[in-house]
Amino acid sequence: MITRIFRFVRDESGATAIEYGLIVAVLSLAIVGGVSQVGNSLEAMWNSAANTLEDLSQ
């Protein structure tokens, strides 16, 4: 029983998978933040264009 516990404690095979998972999580957050910023910029651009066209039509 004690040898199994020691073997479990020394086993590092899952550590790499966890590290890759954390890297993917951080990259996902960065991508979501970037896409959100681009979406806000596009919305502002289209609103500005719509307002300009509306002002010109009056």
Protein backbone atom coordinates (compact mmCIF):
# COMPACT_ATOMS: atom_id res chain seq x y z
CA MET A 1 0.00 0.00 0.00
CA ILE A 2 2.78 2.44 0.89
CA THR A 3 4.61 1.65 -2.34
CA ARG A 4 1.47 2.55 -4.32
CA ILE A 5 1.23 5.89 -2.51
CA PHE A 6 4.88 6.66 -3.22
CA ARG A 7 4.44 5.65 -6.85
CA PHE A 8 1.40 7.94 -7.15
CA VAL A 9 3.27 10.87 -5.59
CA ARG A 10 6.27 10.43 -7.91
CA ASP A 11 4.14 9.99 -11.06
CA GLU A 12 4.41 13.13 -13.22
CA SER A 13 2.72 11.88 -16.38
CA GLY A 14 -0.39 14.01 -15.81
CA ALA A 15 1.57 17.19 -15.11
CA THR A 16 2.27 17.83 -18.78
CA ALA A 17 -1.41 17.49 -19.68
CA ILE A 18 -2.33 19.97 -16.96
CA GLU A 19 0.29 22.44 -18.20
CA TYR A 20 -1.03 22.19 -21.75
CA GLY A 21 -4.55 22.67 -20.42
CA LEU A 22 -3.53 25.84 -18.61
CA ILE A 23 -1.81 27.17 -21.74
CA VAL A 24 -4.95 26.52 -23.78
CA ALA A 25 -7.09 28.25 -21.15
CA VAL A 26 -4.90 31.38 -21.16
CA LEU A 27 -4.81 31.49 -24.96
CA SER A 28 -8.59 31.09 -25.08
CA LEU A 29 -9.06 34.03 -22.74
CA ALA A 30 -6.74 36.15 -24.87
CA ILE A 31 -8.60 35.23 -28.06
CA VAL A 32 -12.00 35.95 -26.53
CA GLY A 33 -10.76 39.32 -25.27
CA GLY A 34 -9.32 40.21 -28.67
CA VAL A 35 -12.46 39.21 -30.55
CA SER A 36 -14.56 41.20 -28.11
CA GLN A 37 -12.43 44.30 -28.70
CA VAL A 38 -12.67 43.89 -32.48
CA GLY A 39 -16.44 43.48 -32.18
CA ASN A 40 -16.73 46.69 -30.17
CA SER A 41 -14.58 48.57 -32.70
CA LEU A 42 -16.66 47.31 -35.62
CA GLU A 43 -19.87 48.27 -33.87
CA ALA A 44 -18.57 51.78 -33.26
CA MET A 45 -17.45 52.07 -36.90
CA TRP A 46 -20.84 51.00 -38.27
CA ASN A 47 -22.70 53.27 -35.84
CA SER A 48 -20.54 56.20 -36.97
CA ALA A 49 -21.20 55.41 -40.62
CA ALA A 50 -24.95 55.11 -39.99
CA ASN A 51 -25.02 58.41 -38.10
CA THR A 52 -23.09 60.15 -40.88
CA LEU A 53 -25.47 58.84 -43.53
CA GLU A 54 -28.44 59.83 -41.42
CA ASP A 55 -27.06 63.36 -41.02
CA LEU A 56 -26.46 63.65 -44.77
CA SER A 57 -30.02 62.55 -45.62
CA GLN A 58 -31.58 65.31 -43.53
